[in-house]
Amino acid sequence: MLVPIIGSAFTLTNLYLSGDLLHSNAKKVKATTSQVRPTPNTQQTPGATQGNQLPAPTSFSKSSDKDLNISLQYPSDWQEGPMDKSGGTVTTGFHPVEKLGIVFVVERIIDSSQVQSADALNQVIISSAGSQLGATKAQPVTSAQTQPTISGTQWTEMDVILSDSQGNESYFASISVLHNKSYYNLAFVLPTSAHDEAMQKYIQPMLNSVQFLS
C-alpha cells in the first residue's frame, strides 16, 4: 500500500533529473572534486570530500502549509515543487535551480493506519527511492544518527549509500515520525562525494528549521 504513496513524493519533483540522478549528477559534482583540496575530518562520510564544490546560500525562504502541518526554511535560490494533496498524503519537494543532484522532500501521510511504524516507513521509502533512482545496491550508513530531535520531537532515521551498476553513488536519508496520528517523513538525496558540504550548507539548516504547526 505504501509504494504509490512514496512514489508520489518523488514524482512530485520528478527528481528534475530525467530519472538519472546517480549518473548525471554524480559525474557533475565529482568533476569539480579535483579542484578542491580536502581538509581532514575524522567523522567524514566514506567517499565524501571537503571544499567549496557547492554554492553557499545567501538567504533562506520560509515554506508553510496547514495541510502539510509543517513549516521550514530552505535556500532562497532553490525551487519549491507544487504541493501535492492527493491519495491521503501531502507532499512537497525542494531542490537547487542548478542540477546538483540534491533533493529534499517533505511528506505527511494523513492515514496512519497505512504505516506500521516509523522504521517500517523508512524502509519502504529507501526501497522505493533506490528503485526509482536505478540503484542496484543500498549500503547502510552505520555512523549516521538514528534518532534525531526535530521540532522538539524524536524521529527515526535511516541512511544508505545507493550505488548503480557503474559504481556511481548517492547518499539517501529517510527520517520519519508519528505525530498527532499522522506519519511525517523528511527525505533527502545528495551526491556522496559532496555529503559533508551539502549537509552543512543546506540539509542541516533545513532540518533545524522544521516546525510542526500543530
N, C-alpha and C. Protein backbone atom coordinates (compact mmCIF):
# COMPACT_ATOMS: atom_id res chain seq x y z
N MET A 1 0.81 -1.21 0.00
CA MET A 1 0.00 0.00 0.00
C MET A 1 0.86 1.27 0.00
N LEU A 2 2.08 1.15 0.53
CA LEU A 2 2.89 2.35 0.68
C LEU A 2 3.62 2.77 -0.58
N VAL A 3 3.85 1.84 -1.50
CA VAL A 3 4.65 2.18 -2.67
C VAL A 3 4.08 3.34 -3.47
N PRO A 4 2.76 3.36 -3.79
CA PRO A 4 2.24 4.54 -4.51
C PRO A 4 2.38 5.82 -3.70
N ILE A 5 2.25 5.72 -2.37
CA ILE A 5 2.37 6.90 -1.53
C ILE A 5 3.76 7.48 -1.62
N ILE A 6 4.77 6.63 -1.46
CA ILE A 6 6.15 7.11 -1.51
C ILE A 6 6.50 7.54 -2.91
N GLY A 7 6.01 6.83 -3.90
CA GLY A 7 6.31 7.20 -5.28
C GLY A 7 5.82 8.59 -5.62
N SER A 8 4.69 9.00 -5.02
CA SER A 8 4.16 10.32 -5.34
C SER A 8 5.10 11.42 -4.89
N ALA A 9 5.83 11.18 -3.80
CA ALA A 9 6.75 12.21 -3.30
C ALA A 9 7.86 12.48 -4.29
N PHE A 10 8.38 11.44 -4.91
CA PHE A 10 9.49 11.65 -5.84
C PHE A 10 8.99 12.02 -7.23
N THR A 11 7.80 11.58 -7.59
CA THR A 11 7.22 12.01 -8.85
C THR A 11 6.91 13.50 -8.80
N LEU A 12 6.60 14.01 -7.60
CA LEU A 12 6.24 15.41 -7.44
C LEU A 12 7.28 16.33 -8.05
N THR A 13 8.52 16.15 -7.72
CA THR A 13 9.59 16.99 -8.27
C THR A 13 10.20 16.38 -9.53
N ASN A 14 9.79 15.14 -9.83
CA ASN A 14 10.32 14.41 -10.99
C ASN A 14 11.82 14.25 -10.89
N LEU A 15 12.33 14.50 -9.67
CA LEU A 15 13.76 14.46 -9.38
C LEU A 15 14.56 15.37 -10.30
N TYR A 16 13.86 16.17 -11.11
CA TYR A 16 14.40 17.11 -12.08
C TYR A 16 15.65 16.58 -12.78
N LEU A 17 15.73 15.26 -12.84
CA LEU A 17 16.95 14.66 -13.36
C LEU A 17 16.68 13.68 -14.50
N SER A 18 15.48 13.65 -15.01
CA SER A 18 15.10 12.69 -16.04
C SER A 18 15.40 11.26 -15.59
N GLY A 19 15.22 11.01 -14.29
CA GLY A 19 15.37 9.66 -13.76
C GLY A 19 16.78 9.13 -13.77
N ASP A 20 17.79 10.01 -13.80
CA ASP A 20 19.17 9.53 -13.92
C ASP A 20 20.06 10.24 -12.92
N LEU A 21 19.65 10.32 -11.66
CA LEU A 21 20.40 11.06 -10.67
C LEU A 21 21.79 10.47 -10.45
N LEU A 22 21.89 9.18 -10.29
CA LEU A 22 23.17 8.58 -9.96
C LEU A 22 24.21 8.83 -11.05
N HIS A 23 23.78 8.82 -12.32
CA HIS A 23 24.74 9.00 -13.40
C HIS A 23 25.08 10.46 -13.61
N SER A 24 24.08 11.27 -13.95
CA SER A 24 24.36 12.62 -14.42
C SER A 24 24.94 13.53 -13.35
N ASN A 25 24.43 13.46 -12.11
CA ASN A 25 24.85 14.41 -11.11
C ASN A 25 26.06 13.96 -10.33
N ALA A 26 26.24 12.66 -10.16
CA ALA A 26 27.46 12.20 -9.52
C ALA A 26 28.66 12.63 -10.35
N LYS A 27 28.55 12.52 -11.67
CA LYS A 27 29.64 12.92 -12.54
C LYS A 27 29.90 14.41 -12.45
N LYS A 28 28.83 15.21 -12.38
CA LYS A 28 28.99 16.65 -12.37
C LYS A 28 29.70 17.11 -11.12
N VAL A 29 29.31 16.59 -9.97
CA VAL A 29 29.94 17.02 -8.73
C VAL A 29 31.35 16.47 -8.62
N LYS A 30 31.56 15.23 -9.05
CA LYS A 30 32.90 14.66 -8.99
C LYS A 30 33.86 15.41 -9.89
N ALA A 31 33.36 15.99 -10.95
CA ALA A 31 34.23 16.69 -11.89
C ALA A 31 34.91 17.88 -11.24
N THR A 32 34.29 18.45 -10.20
CA THR A 32 34.88 19.59 -9.52
C THR A 32 35.77 19.19 -8.35
N THR A 33 35.73 17.92 -7.98
CA THR A 33 36.46 17.47 -6.80
C THR A 33 37.96 17.67 -6.95
N SER A 34 38.49 17.45 -8.14
CA SER A 34 39.92 17.56 -8.34
C SER A 34 40.43 18.98 -8.13
N GLN A 35 39.54 19.96 -8.15
CA GLN A 35 39.93 21.35 -7.96
C GLN A 35 39.92 21.75 -6.49
N VAL A 36 39.51 20.83 -5.62
CA VAL A 36 39.35 21.14 -4.20
C VAL A 36 40.37 20.37 -3.38
N ARG A 37 41.03 21.03 -2.44
CA ARG A 37 41.95 20.36 -1.54
C ARG A 37 41.20 19.91 -0.31
N PRO A 38 41.05 18.59 -0.10
CA PRO A 38 40.30 18.10 1.05
C PRO A 38 40.93 18.53 2.36
N THR A 39 40.11 18.74 3.38
CA THR A 39 40.59 19.05 4.72
C THR A 39 40.28 17.88 5.63
N PRO A 40 41.12 17.63 6.63
CA PRO A 40 40.91 16.46 7.50
C PRO A 40 39.57 16.53 8.20
N ASN A 41 38.91 15.38 8.31
CA ASN A 41 37.64 15.29 9.03
C ASN A 41 37.47 13.85 9.45
N THR A 42 37.69 13.56 10.73
CA THR A 42 37.68 12.18 11.19
C THR A 42 36.29 11.57 11.14
N GLN A 43 35.24 12.40 11.07
CA GLN A 43 33.87 11.89 11.03
C GLN A 43 33.28 12.02 9.64
N GLN A 44 34.12 12.17 8.66
CA GLN A 44 33.66 12.36 7.29
C GLN A 44 32.99 11.10 6.75
N THR A 45 31.96 11.27 5.96
CA THR A 45 31.28 10.15 5.34
C THR A 45 32.21 9.48 4.33
N PRO A 46 32.27 8.13 4.29
CA PRO A 46 33.13 7.45 3.31
C PRO A 46 32.83 7.92 1.89
N GLY A 47 33.88 8.30 1.17
CA GLY A 47 33.72 8.73 -0.21
C GLY A 47 33.46 10.22 -0.35
N ALA A 48 33.23 10.92 0.77
CA ALA A 48 32.93 12.34 0.71
C ALA A 48 34.20 13.17 0.64
N THR A 49 34.08 14.36 0.10
CA THR A 49 35.21 15.28 0.03
C THR A 49 34.81 16.60 0.69
N GLN A 50 35.84 17.39 1.04
CA GLN A 50 35.60 18.69 1.64
C GLN A 50 35.96 19.78 0.63
N GLY A 51 35.41 20.98 0.81
CA GLY A 51 35.78 22.08 -0.05
C GLY A 51 34.60 22.95 -0.38
N ASN A 52 34.71 23.68 -1.47
CA ASN A 52 33.67 24.59 -1.91
C ASN A 52 33.13 24.18 -3.27
N GLN A 53 32.65 22.94 -3.34
CA GLN A 53 32.05 22.48 -4.57
C GLN A 53 30.68 23.09 -4.79
N LEU A 54 29.98 23.40 -3.71
CA LEU A 54 28.58 23.80 -3.78
C LEU A 54 28.42 25.27 -3.40
N PRO A 55 27.53 26.00 -4.08
CA PRO A 55 27.32 27.41 -3.74
C PRO A 55 26.66 27.56 -2.37
N ALA A 56 27.15 28.50 -1.59
CA ALA A 56 26.57 28.75 -0.27
C ALA A 56 25.31 29.59 -0.40
N PRO A 57 24.26 29.25 0.32
CA PRO A 57 23.03 30.06 0.26
C PRO A 57 23.27 31.43 0.89
N THR A 58 22.75 32.46 0.26
CA THR A 58 22.89 33.81 0.79
C THR A 58 21.75 34.16 1.74
N SER A 59 20.63 33.47 1.61
CA SER A 59 19.48 33.69 2.49
C SER A 59 18.56 32.48 2.41
N PHE A 60 17.57 32.45 3.31
CA PHE A 60 16.61 31.35 3.34
C PHE A 60 15.19 31.90 3.25
N SER A 61 14.33 31.14 2.57
CA SER A 61 12.91 31.46 2.48
C SER A 61 12.12 30.48 3.34
N LYS A 62 10.90 30.86 3.69
CA LYS A 62 10.07 30.02 4.55
C LYS A 62 8.93 29.41 3.75
N SER A 63 8.71 28.13 3.96
CA SER A 63 7.56 27.43 3.39
C SER A 63 6.68 26.94 4.53
N SER A 64 5.37 27.16 4.40
CA SER A 64 4.45 26.73 5.46
C SER A 64 3.12 26.36 4.82
N ASP A 65 2.55 25.23 5.25
CA ASP A 65 1.28 24.78 4.69
C ASP A 65 0.49 24.08 5.79
N LYS A 66 -0.76 24.48 5.97
CA LYS A 66 -1.56 23.94 7.07
C LYS A 66 -1.91 22.48 6.86
N ASP A 67 -2.05 22.04 5.60
CA ASP A 67 -2.36 20.63 5.35
C ASP A 67 -1.12 19.75 5.54
N LEU A 68 0.02 20.25 5.13
CA LEU A 68 1.27 19.54 5.40
C LEU A 68 1.58 19.58 6.89
N ASN A 69 1.10 20.63 7.56
CA ASN A 69 1.26 20.83 9.01
C ASN A 69 2.73 21.00 9.40
N ILE A 70 3.51 21.51 8.48
CA ILE A 70 4.94 21.72 8.73
C ILE A 70 5.36 23.03 8.10
N SER A 71 6.24 23.73 8.77
CA SER A 71 6.93 24.88 8.18
C SER A 71 8.42 24.60 8.23
N LEU A 72 9.14 25.14 7.29
CA LEU A 72 10.59 25.01 7.28
C LEU A 72 11.19 26.11 6.42
N GLN A 73 12.48 26.30 6.56
CA GLN A 73 13.20 27.26 5.75
C GLN A 73 14.09 26.51 4.76
N TYR A 74 14.24 27.08 3.57
CA TYR A 74 15.06 26.46 2.53
C TYR A 74 15.84 27.57 1.80
N PRO A 75 16.96 27.24 1.16
CA PRO A 75 17.75 28.26 0.48
C PRO A 75 16.89 29.05 -0.52
N SER A 76 17.03 30.36 -0.50
CA SER A 76 16.16 31.21 -1.32
C SER A 76 16.35 31.00 -2.81
N ASP A 77 17.51 30.50 -3.21
CA ASP A 77 17.73 30.28 -4.64
C ASP A 77 17.36 28.86 -5.07
N TRP A 78 16.70 28.11 -4.18
CA TRP A 78 16.17 26.80 -4.54
C TRP A 78 14.74 26.96 -5.05
N GLN A 79 14.24 25.90 -5.66
CA GLN A 79 12.86 25.86 -6.12
C GLN A 79 12.04 24.94 -5.22
N GLU A 80 10.82 25.37 -4.92
CA GLU A 80 9.87 24.52 -4.19
C GLU A 80 8.88 23.95 -5.17
N GLY A 81 8.70 22.63 -5.13
CA GLY A 81 7.75 21.99 -6.02
C GLY A 81 6.33 22.30 -5.60
N PRO A 82 5.36 22.06 -6.47
CA PRO A 82 3.96 22.27 -6.11
C PRO A 82 3.54 21.32 -5.00
N MET A 83 2.64 21.76 -4.15
CA MET A 83 2.14 20.94 -3.06
C MET A 83 1.16 19.91 -3.63
N ASP A 84 1.44 18.64 -3.42
CA ASP A 84 0.58 17.56 -3.90
C ASP A 84 -0.28 17.08 -2.73
N LYS A 85 -1.60 17.25 -2.85
CA LYS A 85 -2.51 16.87 -1.77
C LYS A 85 -3.50 15.84 -2.27
N SER A 86 -2.98 14.69 -2.63
CA SER A 86 -3.82 13.63 -3.19
C SER A 86 -3.44 12.29 -2.57
N GLY A 87 -4.38 11.35 -2.63
CA GLY A 87 -4.11 9.99 -2.17
C GLY A 87 -3.87 9.86 -0.69
N GLY A 88 -4.41 10.77 0.12
CA GLY A 88 -4.25 10.67 1.56
C GLY A 88 -2.90 11.14 2.05
N THR A 89 -2.13 11.79 1.19
CA THR A 89 -0.83 12.32 1.58
C THR A 89 -0.73 13.78 1.15
N VAL A 90 0.20 14.49 1.78
CA VAL A 90 0.55 15.85 1.36
C VAL A 90 2.06 15.87 1.20
N THR A 91 2.55 16.26 0.04
CA THR A 91 3.99 16.23 -0.21
C THR A 91 4.44 17.49 -0.95
N THR A 92 5.67 17.84 -0.71
CA THR A 92 6.32 18.88 -1.50
C THR A 92 7.81 18.59 -1.53
N GLY A 93 8.52 19.21 -2.46
CA GLY A 93 9.95 18.96 -2.59
C GLY A 93 10.71 20.25 -2.85
N PHE A 94 11.99 20.25 -2.54
CA PHE A 94 12.86 21.41 -2.73
C PHE A 94 14.14 20.96 -3.40
N HIS A 95 14.66 21.77 -4.31
CA HIS A 95 15.92 21.43 -4.97
C HIS A 95 16.59 22.68 -5.52
N PRO A 96 17.91 22.67 -5.67
CA PRO A 96 18.60 23.82 -6.26
C PRO A 96 18.16 24.03 -7.70
N VAL A 97 18.21 25.27 -8.16
CA VAL A 97 17.91 25.56 -9.56
C VAL A 97 18.92 24.85 -10.45
N GLU A 98 20.20 24.93 -10.05
CA GLU A 98 21.23 24.19 -10.77
C GLU A 98 21.13 22.72 -10.39
N LYS A 99 21.26 21.85 -11.36
CA LYS A 99 21.11 20.42 -11.10
C LYS A 99 22.36 19.86 -10.44
N LEU A 100 22.33 19.85 -9.11
CA LEU A 100 23.46 19.39 -8.33
C LEU A 100 23.25 17.98 -7.78
N GLY A 101 22.12 17.37 -8.09
CA GLY A 101 21.85 16.03 -7.57
C GLY A 101 21.34 16.04 -6.15
N ILE A 102 20.71 17.14 -5.73
CA ILE A 102 20.22 17.27 -4.36
C ILE A 102 18.71 17.50 -4.38
N VAL A 103 17.97 16.73 -3.62
CA VAL A 103 16.52 16.88 -3.48
C VAL A 103 16.15 16.69 -2.02
N PHE A 104 15.26 17.52 -1.52
CA PHE A 104 14.75 17.42 -0.14
C PHE A 104 13.23 17.33 -0.24
N VAL A 105 12.65 16.26 0.28
CA VAL A 105 11.21 16.01 0.15
C VAL A 105 10.57 15.94 1.53
N VAL A 106 9.40 16.57 1.67
CA VAL A 106 8.64 16.53 2.92
C VAL A 106 7.29 15.89 2.63
N GLU A 107 6.88 14.95 3.45
CA GLU A 107 5.63 14.24 3.20
C GLU A 107 4.87 14.00 4.50
N ARG A 108 3.56 14.17 4.44
CA ARG A 108 2.68 13.82 5.54
C ARG A 108 1.72 12.75 5.07
N ILE A 109 1.67 11.64 5.78
CA ILE A 109 0.71 10.57 5.49
C ILE A 109 -0.41 10.70 6.53
N ILE A 110 -1.54 11.16 6.08
CA ILE A 110 -2.62 11.51 7.00
C ILE A 110 -3.23 10.28 7.66
N ASP A 111 -3.39 9.20 6.91
CA ASP A 111 -3.98 7.97 7.46
C ASP A 111 -2.87 7.10 8.02
N SER A 112 -2.65 7.17 9.33
CA SER A 112 -1.55 6.42 9.95
C SER A 112 -1.77 4.91 9.93
N SER A 113 -2.98 4.45 9.65
CA SER A 113 -3.25 3.01 9.64
C SER A 113 -2.52 2.31 8.49
N GLN A 114 -2.04 3.10 7.51
CA GLN A 114 -1.31 2.51 6.39
C GLN A 114 0.14 2.21 6.73
N VAL A 115 0.60 2.65 7.88
CA VAL A 115 2.01 2.51 8.25
C VAL A 115 2.13 1.75 9.57
N GLN A 116 3.03 0.79 9.63
CA GLN A 116 3.22 0.00 10.85
C GLN A 116 4.04 0.75 11.89
N SER A 117 5.06 1.46 11.44
CA SER A 117 5.95 2.18 12.35
C SER A 117 6.82 3.14 11.55
N ALA A 118 7.51 4.03 12.26
CA ALA A 118 8.43 4.95 11.59
C ALA A 118 9.57 4.19 10.93
N ASP A 119 10.06 3.14 11.59
CA ASP A 119 11.11 2.32 11.00
C ASP A 119 10.64 1.66 9.71
N ALA A 120 9.43 1.13 9.73
CA ALA A 120 8.88 0.47 8.54
C ALA A 120 8.72 1.47 7.41
N LEU A 121 8.28 2.69 7.74
CA LEU A 121 8.12 3.72 6.72
C LEU A 121 9.47 4.06 6.09
N ASN A 122 10.51 4.20 6.90
CA ASN A 122 11.84 4.46 6.36
C ASN A 122 12.30 3.37 5.41
N GLN A 123 12.06 2.13 5.78
CA GLN A 123 12.49 1.01 4.96
C GLN A 123 11.80 1.02 3.60
N VAL A 124 10.50 1.31 3.60
CA VAL A 124 9.75 1.34 2.35
C VAL A 124 10.22 2.50 1.48
N ILE A 125 10.45 3.66 2.09
CA ILE A 125 10.90 4.82 1.33
C ILE A 125 12.27 4.57 0.71
N ILE A 126 13.18 3.99 1.46
CA ILE A 126 14.51 3.71 0.93
C ILE A 126 14.44 2.71 -0.21
N SER A 127 13.61 1.69 -0.05
CA SER A 127 13.47 0.70 -1.11
C SER A 127 12.90 1.33 -2.38
N SER A 128 11.86 2.16 -2.20
CA SER A 128 11.23 2.81 -3.34
C SER A 128 12.19 3.79 -4.02
N ALA A 129 12.92 4.56 -3.20
CA ALA A 129 13.87 5.53 -3.76
C ALA A 129 14.97 4.82 -4.54
N GLY A 130 15.48 3.75 -3.99
CA GLY A 130 16.53 3.00 -4.69
C GLY A 130 16.07 2.51 -6.04
N SER A 131 14.82 2.02 -6.09
CA SER A 131 14.27 1.53 -7.35
C SER A 131 14.12 2.67 -8.35
N GLN A 132 13.60 3.81 -7.89
CA GLN A 132 13.36 4.94 -8.79
C GLN A 132 14.66 5.59 -9.26
N LEU A 133 15.71 5.50 -8.46
CA LEU A 133 16.99 6.10 -8.83
C LEU A 133 17.88 5.13 -9.60
N GLY A 134 17.40 3.93 -9.85
CA GLY A 134 18.16 2.96 -10.63
C GLY A 134 19.31 2.34 -9.86
N ALA A 135 19.21 2.32 -8.54
CA ALA A 135 20.28 1.76 -7.73
C ALA A 135 20.22 0.23 -7.73
N THR A 136 21.38 -0.39 -7.72
CA THR A 136 21.47 -1.85 -7.65
C THR A 136 21.95 -2.31 -6.28
N LYS A 137 22.36 -1.36 -5.43
CA LYS A 137 22.87 -1.71 -4.10
C LYS A 137 22.57 -0.58 -3.14
N ALA A 138 22.21 -0.94 -1.91
CA ALA A 138 21.98 0.05 -0.85
C ALA A 138 22.81 -0.37 0.36
N GLN A 139 23.83 0.40 0.67
CA GLN A 139 24.72 0.10 1.78
C GLN A 139 24.35 0.95 2.99
N PRO A 140 23.94 0.34 4.11
CA PRO A 140 23.58 1.13 5.29
C PRO A 140 24.75 1.95 5.80
N VAL A 141 24.45 3.16 6.27
CA VAL A 141 25.47 4.02 6.88
C VAL A 141 25.33 3.88 8.39
N THR A 142 26.19 3.08 8.98
CA THR A 142 26.06 2.75 10.40
C THR A 142 26.45 3.91 11.30
N SER A 143 27.20 4.88 10.77
CA SER A 143 27.64 6.01 11.60
C SER A 143 26.61 7.12 11.65
N ALA A 144 25.52 7.00 10.90
CA ALA A 144 24.51 8.06 10.85
C ALA A 144 23.73 8.13 12.15
N GLN A 145 23.24 9.32 12.45
CA GLN A 145 22.39 9.49 13.63
C GLN A 145 21.06 8.79 13.39
N THR A 146 20.61 7.99 14.34
CA THR A 146 19.41 7.18 14.14
C THR A 146 18.16 7.76 14.81
N GLN A 147 18.33 8.68 15.77
CA GLN A 147 17.17 9.25 16.46
C GLN A 147 17.36 10.75 16.64
N PRO A 148 17.32 11.51 15.56
CA PRO A 148 17.50 12.96 15.66
C PRO A 148 16.28 13.62 16.30
N THR A 149 16.50 14.74 16.97
CA THR A 149 15.40 15.53 17.52
C THR A 149 15.11 16.68 16.57
N ILE A 150 13.89 16.71 16.04
CA ILE A 150 13.46 17.72 15.09
C ILE A 150 12.14 18.29 15.58
N SER A 151 12.03 19.60 15.64
CA SER A 151 10.83 20.28 16.14
C SER A 151 10.45 19.78 17.53
N GLY A 152 11.47 19.52 18.36
CA GLY A 152 11.23 19.10 19.73
C GLY A 152 10.75 17.66 19.88
N THR A 153 10.80 16.89 18.79
CA THR A 153 10.31 15.50 18.79
C THR A 153 11.40 14.57 18.30
N GLN A 154 11.48 13.39 18.88
CA GLN A 154 12.47 12.41 18.46
C GLN A 154 11.96 11.63 17.25
N TRP A 155 12.71 11.69 16.15
CA TRP A 155 12.39 10.99 14.93
C TRP A 155 13.25 9.75 14.79
N THR A 156 12.96 8.93 13.77
CA THR A 156 13.75 7.75 13.46
C THR A 156 14.37 7.92 12.08
N GLU A 157 15.68 7.72 11.97
CA GLU A 157 16.39 7.97 10.72
C GLU A 157 17.11 6.73 10.23
N MET A 158 17.09 6.54 8.91
CA MET A 158 17.86 5.50 8.24
C MET A 158 18.59 6.14 7.06
N ASP A 159 19.90 5.87 6.95
CA ASP A 159 20.71 6.43 5.88
C ASP A 159 21.37 5.29 5.10
N VAL A 160 21.44 5.45 3.79
CA VAL A 160 22.09 4.45 2.95
C VAL A 160 22.89 5.16 1.85
N ILE A 161 23.86 4.45 1.31
CA ILE A 161 24.56 4.88 0.11
C ILE A 161 24.07 4.01 -1.03
N LEU A 162 23.43 4.64 -2.01
CA LEU A 162 22.88 3.93 -3.15
C LEU A 162 23.92 3.90 -4.27
N SER A 163 24.11 2.74 -4.86
CA SER A 163 25.08 2.58 -5.94
C SER A 163 24.41 1.96 -7.15
N ASP A 164 24.85 2.37 -8.33
CA ASP A 164 24.35 1.73 -9.54
C ASP A 164 25.39 0.76 -10.08
N SER A 165 25.09 0.13 -11.21
CA SER A 165 25.96 -0.91 -11.75
C SER A 165 27.32 -0.38 -12.19
N GLN A 166 27.44 0.94 -12.37
CA GLN A 166 28.70 1.54 -12.78
C GLN A 166 29.48 2.13 -11.61
N GLY A 167 28.97 1.96 -10.40
CA GLY A 167 29.68 2.43 -9.23
C GLY A 167 29.38 3.86 -8.84
N ASN A 168 28.45 4.54 -9.52
CA ASN A 168 28.06 5.88 -9.12
C ASN A 168 27.25 5.81 -7.82
N GLU A 169 27.48 6.77 -6.95
CA GLU A 169 26.87 6.72 -5.63
C GLU A 169 26.07 7.98 -5.29
N SER A 170 24.99 7.80 -4.54
CA SER A 170 24.23 8.89 -3.95
C SER A 170 23.94 8.54 -2.51
N TYR A 171 23.92 9.56 -1.67
CA TYR A 171 23.60 9.39 -0.25
C TYR A 171 22.12 9.68 -0.07
N PHE A 172 21.41 8.75 0.55
CA PHE A 172 19.96 8.91 0.73
C PHE A 172 19.62 8.72 2.20
N ALA A 173 18.80 9.62 2.73
CA ALA A 173 18.35 9.52 4.12
C ALA A 173 16.85 9.66 4.20
N SER A 174 16.25 8.87 5.08
CA SER A 174 14.81 8.91 5.33
C SER A 174 14.60 9.07 6.84
N ILE A 175 13.83 10.11 7.23
CA ILE A 175 13.61 10.44 8.64
C ILE A 175 12.11 10.51 8.87
N SER A 176 11.58 9.69 9.77
CA SER A 176 10.13 9.58 9.95
C SER A 176 9.73 9.67 11.42
N VAL A 177 8.45 10.06 11.62
CA VAL A 177 7.91 10.13 12.98
C VAL A 177 6.39 10.06 12.92
N LEU A 178 5.78 9.56 13.98
CA LEU A 178 4.33 9.62 14.16
C LEU A 178 4.03 10.80 15.07
N HIS A 179 3.24 11.75 14.57
CA HIS A 179 2.91 12.96 15.33
C HIS A 179 1.43 13.26 15.18
N ASN A 180 0.72 13.27 16.29
CA ASN A 180 -0.71 13.57 16.28
C ASN A 180 -1.48 12.75 15.24
N LYS A 181 -1.24 11.44 15.25
CA LYS A 181 -1.96 10.46 14.43
C LYS A 181 -1.63 10.51 12.93
N SER A 182 -0.63 11.29 12.54
CA SER A 182 -0.17 11.29 11.15
C SER A 182 1.32 10.96 11.14
N TYR A 183 1.74 10.23 10.11
CA TYR A 183 3.17 9.99 9.93
C TYR A 183 3.76 11.09 9.06
N TYR A 184 4.96 11.50 9.39
CA TYR A 184 5.68 12.52 8.63
C TYR A 184 7.02 11.95 8.20
N ASN A 185 7.46 12.36 7.01
CA ASN A 185 8.76 11.90 6.52
C ASN A 185 9.53 13.06 5.91
N LEU A 186 10.80 13.13 6.24
CA LEU A 186 11.73 14.05 5.60
C LEU A 186 12.77 13.18 4.91
N ALA A 187 12.92 13.34 3.62
CA ALA A 187 13.87 12.51 2.87
C ALA A 187 14.74 13.41 2.01
N PHE A 188 16.01 13.07 1.90
CA PHE A 188 16.89 13.84 1.03
C PHE A 188 17.90 12.93 0.35
N VAL A 189 18.29 13.33 -0.83
CA VAL A 189 19.30 12.61 -1.59
C VAL A 189 20.32 13.62 -2.08
N LEU A 190 21.59 13.22 -2.06
CA LEU A 190 22.66 14.11 -2.49
C LEU A 190 23.86 13.27 -2.92
N PRO A 191 24.78 13.84 -3.70
CA PRO A 191 25.96 13.08 -4.12
C PRO A 191 26.83 12.74 -2.91
N THR A 192 27.24 11.50 -2.80
CA THR A 192 28.10 11.08 -1.69
C THR A 192 29.39 11.89 -1.66
N SER A 193 29.91 12.25 -2.84
CA SER A 193 31.17 12.97 -2.92
C SER A 193 31.11 14.35 -2.30
N ALA A 194 29.91 14.89 -2.13
CA ALA A 194 29.76 16.23 -1.55
C ALA A 194 28.91 16.19 -0.28
N HIS A 195 28.86 15.04 0.38
CA HIS A 195 27.96 14.86 1.52
C HIS A 195 28.17 15.88 2.61
N ASP A 196 29.38 16.00 3.12
CA ASP A 196 29.61 16.85 4.29
C ASP A 196 29.29 18.32 4.00
N GLU A 197 29.69 18.78 2.82
CA GLU A 197 29.43 20.17 2.46
C GLU A 197 27.94 20.43 2.26
N ALA A 198 27.24 19.51 1.60
CA ALA A 198 25.81 19.67 1.38
C ALA A 198 25.04 19.64 2.69
N MET A 199 25.46 18.78 3.61
CA MET A 199 24.80 18.74 4.91
C MET A 199 24.97 20.05 5.65
N GLN A 200 26.18 20.60 5.63
CA GLN A 200 26.46 21.82 6.37
C GLN A 200 25.74 23.03 5.77
N LYS A 201 25.75 23.14 4.45
CA LYS A 201 25.22 24.33 3.80
C LYS A 201 23.70 24.30 3.63
N TYR A 202 23.14 23.10 3.37
CA TYR A 202 21.73 23.01 3.00
C TYR A 202 20.90 22.19 3.98
N ILE A 203 21.26 20.92 4.10
CA ILE A 203 20.35 19.96 4.74
C ILE A 203 20.18 20.23 6.23
N GLN A 204 21.27 20.39 6.97
CA GLN A 204 21.14 20.59 8.41
C GLN A 204 20.39 21.86 8.76
N PRO A 205 20.65 23.00 8.08
CA PRO A 205 19.82 24.19 8.37
C PRO A 205 18.34 23.96 8.08
N MET A 206 18.03 23.19 7.04
CA MET A 206 16.63 22.90 6.75
C MET A 206 16.01 22.04 7.83
N LEU A 207 16.74 21.00 8.26
CA LEU A 207 16.23 20.14 9.32
C LEU A 207 16.04 20.92 10.62
N ASN A 208 16.98 21.79 10.93
CA ASN A 208 16.89 22.58 12.16
C ASN A 208 15.69 23.53 12.16
N SER A 209 15.24 23.90 10.97
CA SER A 209 14.15 24.88 10.87
C SER A 209 12.76 24.25 10.87
N VAL A 210 12.68 22.93 10.74
CA VAL A 210 11.38 22.26 10.66
C VAL A 210 10.59 22.45 11.95
N GLN A 211 9.32 22.84 11.78
CA GLN A 211 8.41 23.02 12.91
C GLN A 211 7.04 22.46 12.57
N PHE A 212 6.43 21.75 13.50
CA PHE A 212 5.03 21.35 13.33
C PHE A 212 4.15 22.56 13.61
N LEU A 213 3.10 22.72 12.83
CA LEU A 213 2.18 23.83 13.03
C LEU A 213 1.17 23.52 14.14
N SER A 214 0.93 22.25 14.36
CA SER A 214 0.02 21.85 15.46
C SER A 214 0.36 20.45 15.93
